[in-house]
Amino acid sequence: MNQSSNTGQSFSPIEVKLESGKDYYWCTCGRSKSQPFCDGSHKNTEFTPKKFSVSENKTAWLCTCKKTGNAPFCDGTHLKL
């Protein structure tokens, strides 16, 4: 993953409820005011959101440090930053 342009937001993961079959767009730039989801703030940058979906309804912890090895899901990398 490229360096994030995180703008002072917390690195703590965010718990979200995800619906089966729905498309989500995870913020990769760190600028979104709708973390962990994209709000278009990456416009005119090198970043593009990561599209993802899940196969069953579930609760998940999504990464906000943008350094996870399992994007968009948190893998604890923020604890090492």
N, C-alpha and C. Protein backbone atom coordinates (compact mmCIF):
# COMPACT_ATOMS: atom_id res chain seq x y z
N MET A 1 0.85 -1.18 0.00
CA MET A 1 0.00 0.00 0.00
C MET A 1 0.88 1.23 0.00
N ASN A 2 0.52 2.23 -0.77
CA ASN A 2 1.25 3.49 -0.80
C ASN A 2 1.08 4.22 0.52
N GLN A 3 1.94 5.21 0.75
CA GLN A 3 1.81 5.99 1.96
C GLN A 3 0.46 6.67 1.99
N SER A 4 -0.13 6.70 3.15
CA SER A 4 -1.41 7.37 3.34
C SER A 4 -1.18 8.86 3.51
N SER A 5 -2.15 9.64 3.14
CA SER A 5 -2.11 11.07 3.41
C SER A 5 -3.01 11.38 4.59
N ASN A 6 -2.99 10.51 5.58
CA ASN A 6 -3.85 10.65 6.75
C ASN A 6 -3.78 12.06 7.30
N THR A 7 -4.93 12.62 7.62
CA THR A 7 -5.00 14.02 8.04
C THR A 7 -5.36 14.16 9.50
N GLY A 8 -4.69 13.43 10.38
CA GLY A 8 -4.90 13.58 11.80
C GLY A 8 -6.01 12.73 12.38
N GLN A 9 -6.63 11.89 11.58
CA GLN A 9 -7.69 11.04 12.09
C GLN A 9 -7.08 9.91 12.92
N SER A 10 -7.84 9.39 13.84
CA SER A 10 -7.39 8.29 14.68
C SER A 10 -7.07 7.06 13.85
N PHE A 11 -6.05 6.32 14.27
CA PHE A 11 -5.68 5.08 13.59
C PHE A 11 -6.50 3.89 14.07
N SER A 12 -7.34 4.07 15.06
CA SER A 12 -8.13 2.95 15.59
C SER A 12 -9.10 2.45 14.53
N PRO A 13 -9.24 1.12 14.42
CA PRO A 13 -10.20 0.58 13.44
C PRO A 13 -11.63 0.96 13.82
N ILE A 14 -12.49 0.92 12.83
CA ILE A 14 -13.90 1.28 13.04
C ILE A 14 -14.76 0.05 12.81
N GLU A 15 -15.62 -0.23 13.78
CA GLU A 15 -16.55 -1.36 13.67
C GLU A 15 -17.74 -0.96 12.80
N VAL A 16 -18.02 -1.79 11.80
CA VAL A 16 -19.14 -1.51 10.89
C VAL A 16 -19.96 -2.78 10.66
N LYS A 17 -21.23 -2.60 10.36
CA LYS A 17 -22.09 -3.71 9.98
C LYS A 17 -22.14 -3.74 8.46
N LEU A 18 -21.80 -4.86 7.88
CA LEU A 18 -21.76 -5.02 6.44
C LEU A 18 -22.86 -5.96 5.98
N GLU A 19 -23.49 -5.63 4.86
CA GLU A 19 -24.58 -6.42 4.31
C GLU A 19 -24.10 -7.27 3.14
N SER A 20 -24.54 -8.48 3.10
CA SER A 20 -24.20 -9.42 2.04
C SER A 20 -24.57 -8.85 0.67
N GLY A 21 -23.64 -8.96 -0.28
CA GLY A 21 -23.92 -8.57 -1.66
C GLY A 21 -23.87 -7.09 -1.95
N LYS A 22 -23.73 -6.25 -0.96
CA LYS A 22 -23.68 -4.80 -1.16
C LYS A 22 -22.24 -4.39 -1.45
N ASP A 23 -22.04 -3.47 -2.38
CA ASP A 23 -20.71 -2.96 -2.68
C ASP A 23 -20.37 -1.82 -1.74
N TYR A 24 -19.13 -1.86 -1.22
CA TYR A 24 -18.61 -0.83 -0.34
C TYR A 24 -17.33 -0.29 -0.95
N TYR A 25 -17.01 0.96 -0.62
CA TYR A 25 -15.79 1.59 -1.11
C TYR A 25 -15.00 2.10 0.09
N TRP A 26 -13.90 1.40 0.38
CA TRP A 26 -13.04 1.71 1.52
C TRP A 26 -12.08 2.83 1.15
N CYS A 27 -11.98 3.83 1.99
CA CYS A 27 -11.08 4.97 1.77
C CYS A 27 -9.62 4.50 1.86
N THR A 28 -8.83 4.81 0.85
CA THR A 28 -7.40 4.47 0.86
C THR A 28 -6.52 5.69 1.09
N CYS A 29 -7.08 6.89 1.00
CA CYS A 29 -6.26 8.11 1.12
C CYS A 29 -6.18 8.65 2.54
N GLY A 30 -7.15 8.32 3.38
CA GLY A 30 -7.17 8.83 4.74
C GLY A 30 -7.84 10.19 4.89
N ARG A 31 -8.30 10.78 3.80
CA ARG A 31 -8.90 12.11 3.85
C ARG A 31 -10.41 12.12 4.08
N SER A 32 -11.06 11.00 3.86
CA SER A 32 -12.51 10.94 3.93
C SER A 32 -13.03 11.34 5.31
N LYS A 33 -14.07 12.14 5.32
CA LYS A 33 -14.74 12.51 6.57
C LYS A 33 -15.74 11.42 6.97
N SER A 34 -15.91 10.42 6.09
CA SER A 34 -16.84 9.31 6.32
C SER A 34 -16.08 8.01 6.59
N GLN A 35 -14.93 8.11 7.27
CA GLN A 35 -14.11 6.93 7.54
C GLN A 35 -14.96 5.81 8.13
N PRO A 36 -14.74 4.60 7.72
CA PRO A 36 -13.66 4.11 6.87
C PRO A 36 -14.02 4.11 5.39
N PHE A 37 -15.16 4.70 5.04
CA PHE A 37 -15.63 4.66 3.66
C PHE A 37 -15.24 5.92 2.90
N CYS A 38 -15.16 5.78 1.59
CA CYS A 38 -14.78 6.87 0.70
C CYS A 38 -15.90 7.90 0.59
N ASP A 39 -15.52 9.18 0.60
CA ASP A 39 -16.49 10.25 0.34
C ASP A 39 -16.06 11.11 -0.86
N GLY A 40 -15.05 10.63 -1.61
CA GLY A 40 -14.59 11.35 -2.78
C GLY A 40 -13.46 12.33 -2.51
N SER A 41 -12.98 12.39 -1.27
CA SER A 41 -11.93 13.34 -0.92
C SER A 41 -10.59 13.06 -1.61
N HIS A 42 -10.46 11.90 -2.21
CA HIS A 42 -9.22 11.54 -2.91
C HIS A 42 -9.09 12.22 -4.27
N LYS A 43 -10.13 12.90 -4.70
CA LYS A 43 -10.11 13.54 -6.03
C LYS A 43 -8.85 14.37 -6.19
N ASN A 44 -8.22 14.27 -7.36
CA ASN A 44 -6.97 14.96 -7.70
C ASN A 44 -5.77 14.47 -6.88
N THR A 45 -5.84 13.21 -6.42
CA THR A 45 -4.69 12.57 -5.76
C THR A 45 -4.39 11.27 -6.50
N GLU A 46 -3.36 10.57 -6.07
CA GLU A 46 -3.01 9.28 -6.68
C GLU A 46 -3.85 8.12 -6.13
N PHE A 47 -4.70 8.39 -5.16
CA PHE A 47 -5.46 7.34 -4.48
C PHE A 47 -6.78 7.04 -5.17
N THR A 48 -7.21 5.77 -5.06
CA THR A 48 -8.53 5.35 -5.50
C THR A 48 -9.11 4.45 -4.41
N PRO A 49 -10.41 4.53 -4.17
CA PRO A 49 -11.00 3.69 -3.13
C PRO A 49 -10.95 2.21 -3.51
N LYS A 50 -10.97 1.36 -2.50
CA LYS A 50 -10.98 -0.09 -2.73
C LYS A 50 -12.42 -0.58 -2.63
N LYS A 51 -12.93 -1.12 -3.73
CA LYS A 51 -14.27 -1.68 -3.75
C LYS A 51 -14.22 -3.08 -3.14
N PHE A 52 -15.20 -3.37 -2.26
CA PHE A 52 -15.28 -4.71 -1.68
C PHE A 52 -16.72 -5.03 -1.32
N SER A 53 -16.97 -6.31 -1.10
CA SER A 53 -18.28 -6.79 -0.65
C SER A 53 -18.04 -8.00 0.24
N VAL A 54 -19.06 -8.43 0.93
CA VAL A 54 -18.98 -9.63 1.78
C VAL A 54 -20.06 -10.61 1.35
N SER A 55 -19.82 -11.88 1.63
CA SER A 55 -20.76 -12.92 1.19
C SER A 55 -21.85 -13.21 2.21
N GLU A 56 -21.71 -12.63 3.42
CA GLU A 56 -22.74 -12.81 4.44
C GLU A 56 -22.80 -11.55 5.29
N ASN A 57 -23.97 -11.28 5.86
CA ASN A 57 -24.10 -10.14 6.77
C ASN A 57 -23.17 -10.37 7.95
N LYS A 58 -22.38 -9.34 8.30
CA LYS A 58 -21.47 -9.50 9.42
C LYS A 58 -21.00 -8.15 9.93
N THR A 59 -20.45 -8.16 11.12
CA THR A 59 -19.79 -7.01 11.71
C THR A 59 -18.30 -7.19 11.50
N ALA A 60 -17.62 -6.12 11.12
CA ALA A 60 -16.19 -6.19 10.87
C ALA A 60 -15.51 -4.92 11.36
N TRP A 61 -14.21 -5.02 11.61
CA TRP A 61 -13.39 -3.88 11.99
C TRP A 61 -12.59 -3.46 10.77
N LEU A 62 -12.86 -2.25 10.26
CA LEU A 62 -12.16 -1.77 9.07
C LEU A 62 -11.01 -0.84 9.46
N CYS A 63 -9.93 -0.98 8.73
CA CYS A 63 -8.69 -0.25 8.97
C CYS A 63 -8.85 1.24 8.70
N THR A 64 -8.23 2.08 9.54
CA THR A 64 -8.14 3.51 9.27
C THR A 64 -6.70 3.99 9.16
N CYS A 65 -5.72 3.16 9.51
CA CYS A 65 -4.32 3.58 9.37
C CYS A 65 -3.83 3.42 7.93
N LYS A 66 -4.55 2.64 7.15
CA LYS A 66 -4.28 2.40 5.72
C LYS A 66 -3.01 1.59 5.48
N LYS A 67 -2.51 0.92 6.50
CA LYS A 67 -1.29 0.11 6.38
C LYS A 67 -1.56 -1.38 6.54
N THR A 68 -2.81 -1.78 6.71
CA THR A 68 -3.16 -3.18 6.91
C THR A 68 -2.69 -4.06 5.75
N GLY A 69 -2.35 -5.29 6.06
CA GLY A 69 -2.00 -6.25 5.03
C GLY A 69 -3.22 -7.02 4.54
N ASN A 70 -4.40 -6.69 5.07
CA ASN A 70 -5.64 -7.39 4.74
C ASN A 70 -6.75 -6.39 4.41
N ALA A 71 -6.43 -5.41 3.58
CA ALA A 71 -7.38 -4.33 3.26
C ALA A 71 -8.70 -4.88 2.74
N PRO A 72 -9.80 -4.33 3.23
CA PRO A 72 -9.95 -3.16 4.08
C PRO A 72 -10.01 -3.49 5.58
N PHE A 73 -9.80 -4.74 5.91
CA PHE A 73 -9.97 -5.19 7.29
C PHE A 73 -8.73 -4.92 8.14
N CYS A 74 -8.95 -4.53 9.39
CA CYS A 74 -7.86 -4.26 10.31
C CYS A 74 -7.12 -5.56 10.63
N ASP A 75 -5.78 -5.50 10.61
CA ASP A 75 -4.97 -6.65 11.02
C ASP A 75 -4.07 -6.32 12.20
N GLY A 76 -4.31 -5.16 12.84
CA GLY A 76 -3.54 -4.76 14.02
C GLY A 76 -2.29 -3.96 13.70
N THR A 77 -2.02 -3.68 12.44
CA THR A 77 -0.83 -2.93 12.06
C THR A 77 -0.76 -1.58 12.78
N HIS A 78 -1.89 -0.94 13.03
CA HIS A 78 -1.90 0.37 13.67
C HIS A 78 -1.22 0.34 15.04
N LEU A 79 -1.18 -0.82 15.67
CA LEU A 79 -0.54 -0.94 16.98
C LEU A 79 0.98 -0.82 16.90
N LYS A 80 1.53 -0.97 15.71
CA LYS A 80 2.97 -0.92 15.50
C LYS A 80 3.45 0.43 14.96
N LEU A 81 2.52 1.33 14.69
CA LEU A 81 2.89 2.63 14.10
C LEU A 81 3.30 3.62 15.17
